[in-house]
Amino acid sequence: MAKPFFRPQKFLRRTQCLLFFLTAAYLMAGSLLLLQRSRLVLQQNSRGTSGNQPLPVADVMLSAGNTDSRPPQQSHLSLLVNMEQLHGPTPDHKYEPRWLMSRNSELRQLRRRWFLRFINEQEPVQATGLKAEKPASESRGTYIGCFRDDSRERTLKGAVFYDLRKMTVSHCQEACAERAYAYAGLEYGAECYCGNKLPLTVAKQEECNNECKGEKGTICGGLNRLSVFRVEEPWAGPKQRRNSVYRGCFRVPENAASTWPATLMHSNLTVEMCSEFCSKKEFPLAVIRGPHCHCGFPTVHFPLHSSSDRSLCRRLQNVSSTAEMPRGEDYGLVYQTPVQDTRCTDRKFLPTKSKAFVALSSFPGAGNTWARHLIEHATGFYTGSYYFDGTLYNKGFKGEKDHWRSRRTICVKTHESGRKEIEMFDSAILLIRNPYKSLVAEFNRKCAGHLGYATDRNWKSKEWPDFVNSYASWWASHVLDWLKFGKHLLIVHYEDLKQNLMPQLQKMVAFLNVSVPEDRLLCVEHNRDGNFKRSGARQKRFEPFTKEMKDLINKYIVTVDKVLRDRNFTGLPKEYLPR
């Protein structure tokens, strides 16, 4: 019985051995071909040098110092080529198979680029002292040096900017110059810090070794190391006036003048003089009281919520000395300097996993990114996201890259609706915005990104009515689903948040069970817009909503308003209702 199966077994055994040897031979041939191509690239780079020329040892030794201006990968390649020259030409070079010697220059270039990338991946770029100084000669500002920095107590305490994809030296300098800072410091290749005082501790030049994310070949600091530049005026000629924003005439509380962090007295005091003085001292507010200029922050005792008639401040305009100051209630003209209030810019992940899994839910275009900005700066903790948006991550929303179920963030952004997606969360802040505004904002984002605007061609295309027909019903179903399946909800209307920021933000922070000092909330109010506000409302030359669209949207508005009131929530703002 065994004889009929003997031949098939013998054949299968031979086939297995044959397949094994063929696979091994194929892998060996591939490895040899890869090595051969690498050697060809080196030989092509060394053709311009005689095989008997001695190795330039001095050049190799200096390549690690400040006299070699070549990028590290080029120096590395040059060293390999020179080593080949030292040992002479490869003896079997002329016996190489002709099919390996490509006569196509384009293929040779591709192989050369491949090999350079291969070297770059195998050995990361190590910045030399000269490379760290390279940006100084190419950028507008003057390079000062490499300094130590501490994440717990920043050296440059002014404005902070992030761009984890496109940060450059000039971008950082321009951002600091716009806000009247004297110095710009770059760290980790993607972070920009501004200030008016130089850091105290100088670091070794080679410790600033991180390449700028948006500019290869230039250095943007390192790990807790700042590459510092002196910011120069962006325009040639006389010094330009920097803008200061008039906030109003406010009553100054008793004894408040004695608590200002910085004060200047001048008999001919001007707005420009006071604003520049406070900018150099890194304060966001400049208060003018006759000949006195005071600098500081919005505080509990001076919150800037209720302005007075400007005539009450005019009586102080011609006062040139303290003796001439009128008695009674004290008033001051308040201006906002270009300096950023940094009391609320520090953020981090939660030290321990959150017990409550909280959603920040909204329909797309309802201001979710803005709400995240407010929450992060108010609480000091990052917000997460059900999705991953590289643009938001590159602008400093570091929780964007964290897994949405990690519970290391204070809340998680989501646009999802449906029972399964909603019941995953223990509670939620439901952000609702006028559907007309939401649809326009989301269509702008789809067509032109977070900060752009759709063109007239986009609005007049077939895409716009199709978008309204599908998204208008989603706006209604999103709210209705969260009202039906949400466990513990805080309803926040975008319009209320915009008009009455402090009371609404206090409700949101309390809902998240975080204790926040009021001075920090005032700082958030001072920096309320963030980096994702479109520049002005771009007026369209026509009404994008047709009568049919309005009829459809208005029905959804009435339905949502009724359900909100039936569940004992505040109804939709009156401005939502029929247009």
Protein backbone atom coordinates (compact mmCIF):
# COMPACT_ATOMS: atom_id res chain seq x y z
CA MET A 1 0.00 0.00 0.00
CA ALA A 2 2.98 2.30 0.62
CA LYS A 3 4.49 1.87 -2.88
CA PRO A 4 1.93 4.07 -4.76
CA PHE A 5 2.77 7.02 -2.40
CA PHE A 6 6.57 6.60 -2.46
CA ARG A 7 7.19 8.51 -5.71
CA PRO A 8 5.01 11.54 -4.81
CA GLN A 9 6.75 11.77 -1.38
CA LYS A 10 10.21 11.61 -3.01
CA PHE A 11 9.21 14.31 -5.54
CA LEU A 12 7.85 16.64 -2.85
CA ARG A 13 11.03 16.31 -0.76
CA ARG A 14 13.19 17.22 -3.74
CA THR A 15 10.89 20.16 -4.56
CA GLN A 16 11.17 21.59 -1.02
CA CYS A 17 14.98 21.45 -1.15
CA LEU A 18 14.98 23.02 -4.58
CA LEU A 19 12.70 25.88 -3.50
CA PHE A 20 14.87 26.51 -0.43
CA PHE A 21 18.07 26.79 -2.46
CA LEU A 22 16.41 28.96 -5.14
CA THR A 23 15.13 31.38 -2.46
CA ALA A 24 18.55 31.58 -0.80
CA ALA A 25 20.23 32.20 -4.16
CA TYR A 26 17.71 34.93 -5.01
CA LEU A 27 18.30 36.76 -1.73
CA MET A 28 22.08 36.54 -2.09
CA ALA A 29 21.92 37.85 -5.64
CA GLY A 30 19.77 40.77 -4.52
CA SER A 31 22.20 41.65 -1.72
CA LEU A 32 25.17 41.54 -4.06
CA LEU A 33 23.35 43.74 -6.58
CA LEU A 34 22.57 46.32 -3.87
CA LEU A 35 26.20 46.45 -2.74
CA GLN A 36 27.41 46.65 -6.34
CA ARG A 37 25.13 49.64 -7.04
CA SER A 38 26.37 51.40 -3.89
CA ARG A 39 29.97 50.97 -5.04
CA LEU A 40 29.11 52.27 -8.51
CA VAL A 41 27.77 55.49 -7.01
CA LEU A 42 30.98 56.01 -5.05
CA GLN A 43 33.11 55.35 -8.10
CA GLN A 44 31.07 57.77 -10.22
CA ASN A 45 31.64 60.49 -7.62
CA SER A 46 35.40 59.84 -7.58
CA ARG A 47 35.99 59.86 -11.35
CA GLY A 48 37.11 63.48 -11.31
CA THR A 49 40.03 62.64 -8.96
CA SER A 50 43.10 60.71 -9.95
CA GLY A 51 43.53 57.30 -8.42
CA ASN A 52 47.09 58.14 -7.37
CA GLN A 53 46.16 61.42 -5.63
CA PRO A 54 46.88 61.27 -1.86
CA LEU A 55 44.07 61.55 0.65
CA PRO A 56 43.54 65.16 1.83
CA VAL A 57 43.87 64.34 5.53
CA ALA A 58 43.65 67.96 6.62
CA ASP A 59 40.27 68.37 4.94
CA VAL A 60 38.93 65.26 6.66
CA MET A 61 40.14 66.39 10.05
CA LEU A 62 38.69 69.87 9.63
CA SER A 63 35.30 68.57 8.53
CA ALA A 64 34.35 68.12 12.18
CA GLY A 65 35.24 71.69 13.03
CA ASN A 66 34.07 75.12 11.95
CA THR A 67 35.90 75.37 8.62
CA ASP A 68 33.92 72.91 6.52
CA SER A 69 30.76 74.40 5.10
CA ARG A 70 29.48 71.21 3.46
CA PRO A 71 26.38 69.51 4.83
CA PRO A 72 27.17 66.44 6.98
CA GLN A 73 25.92 63.92 4.44
CA GLN A 74 28.19 65.40 1.75
CA SER A 75 31.19 65.32 4.09
CA HIS A 76 30.38 61.72 4.93
CA LEU A 77 30.20 60.78 1.25
CA SER A 78 33.43 62.68 0.51
CA LEU A 79 35.20 60.77 3.27
CA LEU A 80 34.08 57.45 1.75
CA VAL A 81 35.27 58.51 -1.68
CA ASN A 82 38.63 59.64 -0.36
CA MET A 83 39.08 56.35 1.47
CA GLU A 84 38.61 54.63 -1.89
CA GLN A 85 41.28 56.89 -3.36
CA LEU A 86 43.65 55.99 -0.53
CA HIS A 87 43.43 52.29 -1.31
CA GLY A 88 43.52 52.85 -5.06
CA PRO A 89 40.94 51.88 -7.64
CA THR A 90 39.07 48.67 -7.16
CA PRO A 91 40.99 45.99 -9.09
CA ASP A 92 37.91 44.32 -10.58
CA HIS A 93 36.21 47.58 -11.58
CA LYS A 94 36.90 47.05 -15.30
CA TYR A 95 35.50 43.54 -15.16
CA GLU A 96 32.05 44.61 -13.93
CA PRO A 97 29.13 43.29 -15.99
CA ARG A 98 28.06 45.77 -18.63
CA TRP A 99 24.39 45.50 -17.63
CA LEU A 100 25.32 47.06 -14.27
CA MET A 101 27.06 50.02 -15.93
CA SER A 102 24.00 52.11 -16.77
CA ARG A 103 24.54 54.64 -19.55
CA ASN A 104 21.43 56.53 -18.60
CA SER A 105 22.39 59.70 -16.65
CA GLU A 106 18.91 59.97 -15.15
CA LEU A 107 19.21 56.52 -13.62
CA ARG A 108 22.64 57.39 -12.26
CA GLN A 109 21.16 60.48 -10.60
CA LEU A 110 18.37 58.42 -9.07
CA ARG A 111 20.89 55.91 -7.71
CA ARG A 112 23.02 58.72 -6.30
CA ARG A 113 20.00 60.28 -4.55
CA TRP A 114 19.00 56.87 -3.23
CA PHE A 115 22.46 56.32 -1.75
CA LEU A 116 22.54 59.78 -0.15
CA ARG A 117 19.17 59.07 1.47
CA PHE A 118 20.48 55.68 2.60
CA ILE A 119 23.49 57.32 4.31
CA ASN A 120 21.24 59.99 5.83
CA GLU A 121 18.93 57.37 7.36
CA GLN A 122 21.78 55.23 8.67
CA GLU A 123 23.61 58.11 10.32
CA PRO A 124 21.52 61.06 11.59
CA VAL A 125 22.67 64.59 10.98
CA GLN A 126 25.06 65.88 13.64
CA ALA A 127 25.21 69.65 13.56
CA THR A 128 28.59 71.34 13.82
CA GLY A 129 29.29 74.72 15.29
CA LEU A 130 29.34 76.40 11.89
CA LYS A 131 26.03 74.88 10.89
CA ALA A 132 24.43 76.34 13.98
CA GLU A 133 25.75 79.73 12.94
CA LYS A 134 24.61 79.36 9.35
CA PRO A 135 21.12 80.87 9.90
CA ALA A 136 22.68 84.05 11.24
CA SER A 137 24.15 84.92 7.87
CA GLU A 138 21.04 83.99 5.89
CA SER A 139 18.24 85.36 8.08
CA ARG A 140 17.32 88.98 8.72
CA GLY A 141 18.23 89.02 12.43
CA THR A 142 21.59 88.65 14.14
CA TYR A 143 22.47 85.27 15.60
CA ILE A 144 23.44 85.58 19.29
CA GLY A 145 24.21 82.00 20.30
CA CYS A 146 23.00 78.77 21.90
CA PHE A 147 21.48 79.07 25.38
CA ARG A 148 20.03 76.75 28.02
CA ASP A 149 16.27 76.68 28.59
CA ASP A 150 14.03 75.18 31.27
CA SER A 151 10.52 74.03 30.33
CA ARG A 152 9.30 74.77 33.88
CA GLU A 153 10.60 78.34 33.90
CA ARG A 154 10.99 79.69 30.37
CA THR A 155 13.92 81.99 29.67
CA LEU A 156 12.12 83.90 26.94
CA LYS A 157 8.75 84.53 28.58
CA GLY A 158 7.06 86.38 25.74
CA ALA A 159 4.89 84.97 22.98
CA VAL A 160 5.02 81.27 22.11
CA PHE A 161 4.38 79.73 18.66
CA TYR A 162 4.49 76.18 17.35
CA ASP A 163 4.79 74.81 13.85
CA LEU A 164 5.85 71.18 13.84
CA ARG A 165 6.10 71.08 10.05
CA LYS A 166 7.06 74.50 8.65
CA MET A 167 9.03 76.33 11.36
CA THR A 168 11.89 78.46 10.02
CA VAL A 169 14.20 81.05 11.53
CA SER A 170 12.65 83.89 9.51
CA HIS A 171 9.10 82.79 10.43
CA CYS A 172 9.96 82.94 14.14
CA GLN A 173 11.71 86.30 13.80
CA GLU A 174 8.80 87.85 11.92
CA ALA A 175 6.32 86.59 14.54
CA CYS A 176 8.40 88.11 17.37
CA ALA A 177 8.97 91.36 15.47
CA GLU A 178 5.21 91.83 14.95
CA ARG A 179 4.76 91.70 18.72
CA ALA A 180 7.56 94.16 19.49
CA TYR A 181 9.99 91.67 21.04
CA ALA A 182 13.75 92.13 20.88
CA TYR A 183 14.80 88.46 20.81
CA ALA A 184 13.55 85.30 19.10
CA GLY A 185 14.55 81.83 20.29
CA LEU A 186 13.96 78.51 18.52
CA GLU A 187 13.81 75.14 20.27
CA TYR A 188 13.26 71.48 19.27
CA GLY A 189 13.25 72.51 15.62
CA ALA A 190 9.60 73.61 15.81
CA GLU A 191 9.01 75.93 18.78
CA CYS A 192 9.43 79.71 18.77
CA TYR A 193 9.77 81.84 21.90
CA CYS A 194 9.96 85.63 22.10
CA GLY A 195 11.26 87.97 24.77
CA ASN A 196 13.12 91.16 25.57
CA LYS A 197 15.79 89.71 27.88
CA LEU A 198 18.62 87.42 26.89
CA PRO A 199 18.87 84.02 28.62
CA LEU A 200 21.48 83.90 31.37
CA THR A 201 23.18 80.55 30.74
CA VAL A 202 25.18 80.00 27.54
CA ALA A 203 25.34 76.45 26.19
CA LYS A 204 27.87 74.76 23.92
CA GLN A 205 27.30 75.49 20.27
CA GLU A 206 27.04 71.81 19.32
CA GLU A 207 24.16 71.33 21.79
CA CYS A 208 21.92 73.31 19.44
CA ASN A 209 21.66 70.52 16.89
CA ASN A 210 18.00 70.20 15.83
CA GLU A 211 17.25 71.00 12.22
CA CYS A 212 14.37 73.41 11.53
CA LYS A 213 11.25 71.50 10.49
CA GLY A 214 10.59 73.82 7.58
CA GLU A 215 14.12 74.63 6.44
CA LYS A 216 16.75 71.96 5.91
CA GLY A 217 20.33 72.93 6.67
CA THR A 218 19.46 75.47 9.39
CA ILE A 219 19.41 74.94 13.14
CA CYS A 220 16.48 75.65 15.44
CA GLY A 221 17.78 74.90 18.94
CA GLY A 222 17.84 71.48 20.56
CA LEU A 223 16.67 69.59 23.64
CA ASN A 224 16.14 72.37 26.22
CA ARG A 225 18.43 74.53 24.10
CA LEU A 226 17.54 77.80 22.38
CA SER A 227 19.07 79.22 19.22
CA VAL A 228 18.65 82.94 19.98
CA PHE A 229 18.49 85.76 17.44
CA ARG A 230 18.29 89.49 17.89
CA VAL A 231 15.15 90.63 16.06
CA GLU A 232 15.70 93.50 13.64
CA GLU A 233 13.19 95.87 12.12
CA PRO A 234 11.54 94.25 9.05
CA TRP A 235 11.59 97.54 7.16
CA ALA A 236 14.52 99.70 6.24
CA GLY A 237 14.50 103.40 7.11
CA PRO A 238 12.99 105.08 10.19
CA LYS A 239 11.56 102.97 12.99
CA GLN A 240 8.00 101.88 12.31
CA ARG A 241 5.14 102.47 14.72
CA ARG A 242 3.83 99.28 16.24
CA ASN A 243 0.08 99.01 16.70
CA SER A 244 -1.51 99.27 20.13
CA VAL A 245 -5.22 98.57 20.46
CA TYR A 246 -7.41 100.97 22.42
CA ARG A 247 -9.47 99.02 24.98
CA GLY A 248 -11.36 101.94 26.55
CA CYS A 249 -11.54 104.25 29.54
CA PHE A 250 -11.71 102.27 32.79
CA ARG A 251 -12.05 103.15 36.43
CA VAL A 252 -8.84 102.38 38.31
CA PRO A 253 -9.52 100.81 41.75
CA GLU A 254 -8.14 102.45 44.88
CA ASN A 255 -4.50 101.63 45.62
CA ALA A 256 -4.27 99.78 42.30
CA ALA A 257 -1.70 102.28 41.01
CA SER A 258 0.77 101.20 43.70
CA THR A 259 0.57 97.56 42.58
CA TRP A 260 1.48 98.04 38.91
CA PRO A 261 4.60 95.98 38.08
CA ALA A 262 6.18 98.82 36.06
CA THR A 263 5.58 102.58 35.90
CA LEU A 264 6.93 105.43 33.82
CA MET A 265 6.41 109.14 34.45
CA HIS A 266 6.88 111.73 31.71
CA SER A 267 5.54 115.28 31.42
CA ASN A 268 4.87 114.84 27.67
CA LEU A 269 3.67 111.26 27.75
CA THR A 270 2.23 109.84 24.49
CA VAL A 271 0.42 106.60 23.66
CA GLU A 272 3.37 105.40 21.55
CA MET A 273 5.83 106.15 24.36
CA CYS A 274 3.78 104.26 26.96
CA SER A 275 3.03 101.31 24.66
CA GLU A 276 6.71 100.91 23.72
CA PHE A 277 7.79 101.12 27.35
CA CYS A 278 5.32 98.39 28.41
CA SER A 279 6.21 96.24 25.38
CA LYS A 280 9.87 96.27 26.37
CA LYS A 281 8.86 95.25 29.89
CA GLU A 282 6.80 92.38 28.34
CA PHE A 283 3.39 93.47 29.61
CA PRO A 284 0.21 93.25 27.50
CA LEU A 285 -1.51 96.33 28.97
CA ALA A 286 -0.50 99.99 29.02
CA VAL A 287 -2.56 102.32 31.24
CA ILE A 288 -2.23 106.12 30.89
CA ARG A 289 -3.19 108.33 33.83
CA GLY A 290 -2.05 111.87 33.08
CA PRO A 291 1.77 111.88 33.18
CA HIS A 292 1.86 108.29 34.49
CA CYS A 293 2.24 105.19 32.34
CA HIS A 294 1.48 101.90 34.12
CA CYS A 295 2.13 98.39 32.77
CA GLY A 296 0.49 95.16 33.84
CA PHE A 297 -2.05 92.41 33.22
CA PRO A 298 -5.84 92.14 33.50
CA THR A 299 -6.52 91.00 37.09
CA VAL A 300 -9.45 90.31 39.39
CA HIS A 301 -9.25 93.93 40.64
CA PHE A 302 -8.80 95.32 37.12
CA PRO A 303 -10.69 92.91 34.79
CA LEU A 304 -11.56 95.40 31.99
CA HIS A 305 -15.17 94.24 31.78
CA SER A 306 -17.04 97.53 32.26
CA SER A 307 -15.67 100.55 30.42
CA SER A 308 -16.63 104.15 31.27
CA ASP A 309 -17.31 107.22 29.17
CA ARG A 310 -14.13 108.50 27.58
CA SER A 311 -14.88 112.04 28.79
CA LEU A 312 -13.94 110.88 32.30
CA CYS A 313 -10.41 110.20 31.06
CA ARG A 314 -10.08 113.39 28.98
CA ARG A 315 -9.68 115.56 32.06
CA LEU A 316 -6.34 113.81 32.65
CA GLN A 317 -4.94 114.47 29.18
CA ASN A 318 -3.44 117.89 29.94
CA VAL A 319 -2.14 116.99 33.39
CA SER A 320 1.69 117.11 33.43
CA SER A 321 2.50 116.43 37.08
CA THR A 322 1.22 114.39 40.03
CA ALA A 323 0.21 117.57 41.92
CA GLU A 324 -2.27 118.46 39.19
CA MET A 325 -4.06 115.08 39.32
CA PRO A 326 -7.77 115.56 40.16
CA ARG A 327 -9.11 114.06 43.35
CA GLY A 328 -11.94 111.59 43.57
CA GLU A 329 -12.52 108.59 41.31
CA ASP A 330 -9.51 107.65 39.23
CA TYR A 331 -9.73 106.70 35.54
CA GLY A 332 -7.20 105.56 32.98
CA LEU A 333 -6.96 105.03 29.23
CA VAL A 334 -6.15 101.38 28.58
CA TYR A 335 -4.26 100.14 25.51
CA GLN A 336 -3.35 96.61 24.54
CA THR A 337 0.29 96.32 23.50
CA PRO A 338 1.52 93.86 20.82
CA VAL A 339 2.89 91.65 23.63
CA GLN A 340 1.10 88.36 24.30
CA ASP A 341 -0.22 87.54 27.77
CA THR A 342 1.68 84.33 28.59
CA ARG A 343 0.14 83.49 31.98
CA CYS A 344 -2.05 80.83 30.34
CA THR A 345 0.09 79.46 27.50
CA ASP A 346 1.65 76.51 29.39
CA ARG A 347 -0.08 73.20 28.64
CA LYS A 348 0.61 69.54 29.38
CA PHE A 349 -1.01 66.10 29.41
CA LEU A 350 -2.91 64.93 32.49
CA PRO A 351 -0.50 63.48 35.10
CA THR A 352 -2.85 60.52 35.70
CA LYS A 353 -5.57 58.97 33.57
CA SER A 354 -8.86 60.81 33.72
CA LYS A 355 -11.67 58.98 35.53
CA ALA A 356 -14.36 60.63 33.41
CA PHE A 357 -14.20 60.24 29.63
CA VAL A 358 -15.49 63.60 28.35
CA ALA A 359 -16.37 64.51 24.76
CA LEU A 360 -16.30 67.95 23.18
CA SER A 361 -18.91 67.31 20.54
CA SER A 362 -20.07 69.57 17.74
CA PHE A 363 -21.18 69.60 14.16
CA PRO A 364 -18.28 70.44 11.77
CA GLY A 365 -17.84 74.20 11.44
CA ALA A 366 -19.40 74.92 14.85
CA GLY A 367 -16.20 76.28 16.46
CA ASN A 368 -14.78 73.08 17.98
CA THR A 369 -11.15 74.16 17.36
CA TRP A 370 -11.77 77.53 18.99
CA ALA A 371 -13.43 75.86 22.00
CA ARG A 372 -10.41 73.54 22.32
CA HIS A 373 -8.11 76.58 22.32
CA LEU A 374 -10.13 78.15 25.15
CA ILE A 375 -10.28 74.94 27.20
CA GLU A 376 -6.57 74.15 26.80
CA HIS A 377 -5.46 77.62 27.87
CA ALA A 378 -7.98 77.80 30.71
CA THR A 379 -7.22 74.39 32.25
CA GLY A 380 -3.56 74.03 31.22
CA PHE A 381 -4.24 70.54 29.78
CA TYR A 382 -4.27 69.34 26.19
CA THR A 383 -7.48 68.25 24.46
CA GLY A 384 -7.62 65.09 22.38
CA SER A 385 -9.34 64.20 19.13
CA TYR A 386 -11.28 61.27 17.73
CA TYR A 387 -9.49 62.03 14.45
CA PHE A 388 -5.98 63.15 13.53
CA ASP A 389 -5.61 66.54 11.87
CA GLY A 390 -1.97 67.19 10.98
CA THR A 391 -2.62 70.91 10.50
CA LEU A 392 -3.89 71.28 14.07
CA TYR A 393 -1.04 69.18 15.45
CA ASN A 394 1.52 71.28 13.61
CA LYS A 395 0.06 74.42 15.19
CA GLY A 396 0.46 73.22 18.77
CA PHE A 397 -2.57 70.97 19.50
CA LYS A 398 -0.27 68.17 20.70
CA GLY A 399 -3.16 66.08 22.00
CA GLU A 400 -4.18 65.61 18.36
CA LYS A 401 -1.58 62.84 18.00
CA ASP A 402 -2.41 61.12 21.27
CA HIS A 403 -4.74 58.13 21.06
CA TRP A 404 -8.26 59.38 21.69
CA ARG A 405 -8.93 56.71 24.34
CA SER A 406 -5.71 57.30 26.28
CA ARG A 407 -7.54 59.48 28.87
CA ARG A 408 -4.46 61.72 29.06
CA THR A 409 -6.40 64.70 27.72
CA ILE A 410 -9.02 66.84 29.44
CA CYS A 411 -11.66 66.10 26.76
CA VAL A 412 -11.87 64.63 23.26
CA LYS A 413 -13.07 66.38 20.12
CA THR A 414 -15.65 64.47 18.09
CA HIS A 415 -18.16 65.13 15.31
CA GLU A 416 -19.63 61.64 15.55
CA SER A 417 -23.28 60.88 16.12
CA GLY A 418 -25.02 57.57 16.60
CA ARG A 419 -25.73 55.58 19.72
CA LYS A 420 -22.56 53.47 19.83
CA GLU A 421 -20.19 56.43 19.38
CA ILE A 422 -22.06 58.57 21.93
CA GLU A 423 -22.39 55.98 24.71
CA MET A 424 -18.61 55.48 24.81
CA PHE A 425 -18.34 58.80 26.67
CA ASP A 426 -19.27 59.40 30.29
CA SER A 427 -20.24 63.03 29.66
CA ALA A 428 -20.03 65.66 26.93
CA ILE A 429 -19.93 69.37 26.20
CA LEU A 430 -22.28 69.79 23.25
CA LEU A 431 -21.38 72.89 21.24
CA ILE A 432 -24.17 74.16 18.98
CA ARG A 433 -23.87 76.89 16.35
CA ASN A 434 -26.30 78.53 13.94
CA PRO A 435 -26.57 76.03 11.04
CA TYR A 436 -26.28 78.79 8.45
CA LYS A 437 -22.93 79.85 9.94
CA SER A 438 -21.79 76.27 10.48
CA LEU A 439 -22.49 75.24 6.91
CA VAL A 440 -20.60 78.25 5.53
CA ALA A 441 -17.64 77.67 7.87
CA GLU A 442 -17.36 73.96 7.05
CA PHE A 443 -17.66 74.60 3.31
CA ASN A 444 -14.86 77.17 3.58
CA ARG A 445 -12.72 74.62 5.41
CA LYS A 446 -13.37 71.90 2.87
CA CYS A 447 -12.50 74.18 -0.03
CA ALA A 448 -9.64 76.24 1.43
CA GLY A 449 -8.48 74.81 4.78
CA HIS A 450 -8.85 76.06 8.35
CA LEU A 451 -8.05 79.71 7.58
CA GLY A 452 -9.10 80.07 3.94
CA TYR A 453 -12.28 81.00 2.09
CA ALA A 454 -14.12 79.24 -0.70
CA THR A 455 -14.07 81.09 -4.02
CA ASP A 456 -17.12 82.41 -5.88
CA ARG A 457 -16.65 79.53 -8.27
CA ASN A 458 -17.02 77.05 -5.39
CA TRP A 459 -20.22 78.71 -4.17
CA LYS A 460 -21.79 78.71 -7.64
CA SER A 461 -20.87 75.12 -8.42
CA LYS A 462 -23.10 72.09 -8.02
CA GLU A 463 -21.01 71.07 -5.00
CA TRP A 464 -22.56 73.75 -2.75
CA PRO A 465 -26.27 72.71 -3.06
CA ASP A 466 -25.27 69.05 -2.70
CA PHE A 467 -23.30 69.95 0.40
CA VAL A 468 -26.27 71.80 1.97
CA ASN A 469 -28.72 68.99 1.23
CA SER A 470 -26.54 66.38 2.93
CA TYR A 471 -25.03 68.42 5.77
CA ALA A 472 -28.14 70.32 6.91
CA SER A 473 -29.84 67.10 8.02
CA TRP A 474 -26.60 66.03 9.72
CA TRP A 475 -26.61 69.27 11.77
CA ALA A 476 -30.05 68.36 13.16
CA SER A 477 -29.40 64.64 13.66
CA HIS A 478 -26.12 65.35 15.43
CA VAL A 479 -27.83 67.45 18.12
CA LEU A 480 -30.84 65.12 18.41
CA ASP A 481 -28.67 61.98 18.79
CA TRP A 482 -26.57 63.52 21.56
CA LEU A 483 -29.71 64.69 23.36
CA LYS A 484 -31.15 61.19 23.11
CA PHE A 485 -28.10 59.02 23.95
CA GLY A 486 -25.79 61.38 25.86
CA LYS A 487 -25.39 60.54 29.56
CA HIS A 488 -24.44 63.89 31.07
CA LEU A 489 -24.55 66.98 28.86
CA LEU A 490 -23.53 70.62 29.07
CA ILE A 491 -25.12 72.59 26.22
CA VAL A 492 -23.03 75.55 25.04
CA HIS A 493 -24.19 77.82 22.23
CA TYR A 494 -21.37 79.21 20.14
CA GLU A 495 -23.01 82.64 20.01
CA ASP A 496 -23.29 82.82 23.83
CA LEU A 497 -19.64 81.79 24.17
CA LYS A 498 -18.60 84.52 21.77
CA GLN A 499 -20.66 87.28 23.40
CA ASN A 500 -20.22 86.29 27.08
CA LEU A 501 -16.93 84.44 27.15
CA MET A 502 -16.13 84.49 30.86
CA PRO A 503 -19.42 83.11 32.26
CA GLN A 504 -19.60 80.38 29.60
CA LEU A 505 -15.94 79.43 30.00
CA GLN A 506 -16.38 79.20 33.78
CA LYS A 507 -19.28 76.76 33.22
CA MET A 508 -17.16 74.63 30.88
CA VAL A 509 -14.20 74.53 33.28
CA ALA A 510 -16.47 73.62 36.21
CA PHE A 511 -18.08 70.85 34.12
CA LEU A 512 -14.58 69.45 33.46
CA ASN A 513 -13.98 69.47 37.24
CA VAL A 514 -10.87 71.67 37.05
CA SER A 515 -10.10 74.46 39.48
CA VAL A 516 -8.75 77.50 37.62
CA PRO A 517 -7.70 80.87 39.13
CA GLU A 518 -9.62 83.82 37.75
CA ASP A 519 -6.43 85.56 36.61
CA ARG A 520 -5.81 82.65 34.25
CA LEU A 521 -9.32 82.97 32.83
CA LEU A 522 -8.68 86.67 32.30
CA CYS A 523 -5.53 85.72 30.41
CA VAL A 524 -7.62 83.41 28.17
CA GLU A 525 -10.05 86.24 27.57
CA HIS A 526 -7.11 88.44 26.56
CA ASN A 527 -5.90 85.74 24.10
CA ARG A 528 -9.36 84.61 23.07
CA ASP A 529 -8.90 84.31 19.30
CA GLY A 530 -6.01 81.83 19.08
CA ASN A 531 -4.32 80.90 15.80
CA PHE A 532 -7.34 79.59 13.89
CA LYS A 533 -9.53 82.60 13.38
CA ARG A 534 -10.16 83.57 9.77
CA SER A 535 -8.96 87.10 9.06
CA GLY A 536 -12.21 89.08 8.97
CA ALA A 537 -15.57 88.08 7.57
CA ARG A 538 -15.17 87.84 3.83
CA GLN A 539 -18.28 89.35 2.30
CA LYS A 540 -19.82 87.33 -0.52
CA ARG A 541 -21.25 89.23 -3.46
CA PHE A 542 -24.42 87.15 -3.43
CA GLU A 543 -26.69 85.19 -1.06
CA PRO A 544 -25.44 81.57 -1.09
CA PHE A 545 -28.67 80.14 0.36
CA THR A 546 -31.61 79.74 -2.00
CA LYS A 547 -35.23 79.81 -0.82
CA GLU A 548 -35.39 76.00 -0.98
CA MET A 549 -32.26 75.75 1.16
CA LYS A 550 -33.66 78.18 3.74
CA ASP A 551 -36.95 76.31 3.97
CA LEU A 552 -35.08 73.06 4.59
CA ILE A 553 -32.72 74.52 7.23
CA ASN A 554 -35.50 76.42 9.04
CA LYS A 555 -37.48 73.19 9.52
CA TYR A 556 -34.47 71.61 11.19
CA ILE A 557 -33.99 74.67 13.41
CA VAL A 558 -37.59 74.53 14.66
CA THR A 559 -37.29 70.77 15.35
CA VAL A 560 -34.06 71.06 17.33
CA ASP A 561 -35.33 74.06 19.30
CA LYS A 562 -38.46 72.15 20.36
CA VAL A 563 -36.51 69.07 21.49
CA LEU A 564 -34.09 71.21 23.52
CA ARG A 565 -36.94 72.89 25.37
CA ASP A 566 -38.76 69.58 25.92
CA ARG A 567 -35.63 68.26 27.68
CA ASN A 568 -35.41 71.36 29.93
CA PHE A 569 -32.44 72.88 28.13
CA THR A 570 -32.22 76.46 26.92
CA GLY A 571 -33.69 76.77 23.43
CA LEU A 572 -31.76 77.97 20.42
CA PRO A 573 -30.88 81.69 20.30
CA LYS A 574 -33.46 83.84 18.50
CA GLU A 575 -31.05 84.70 15.71
CA TYR A 576 -31.22 81.07 14.50
CA LEU A 577 -34.92 81.21 13.75
CA PRO A 578 -36.30 81.82 10.26
CA ARG A 579 -34.22 84.12 8.14
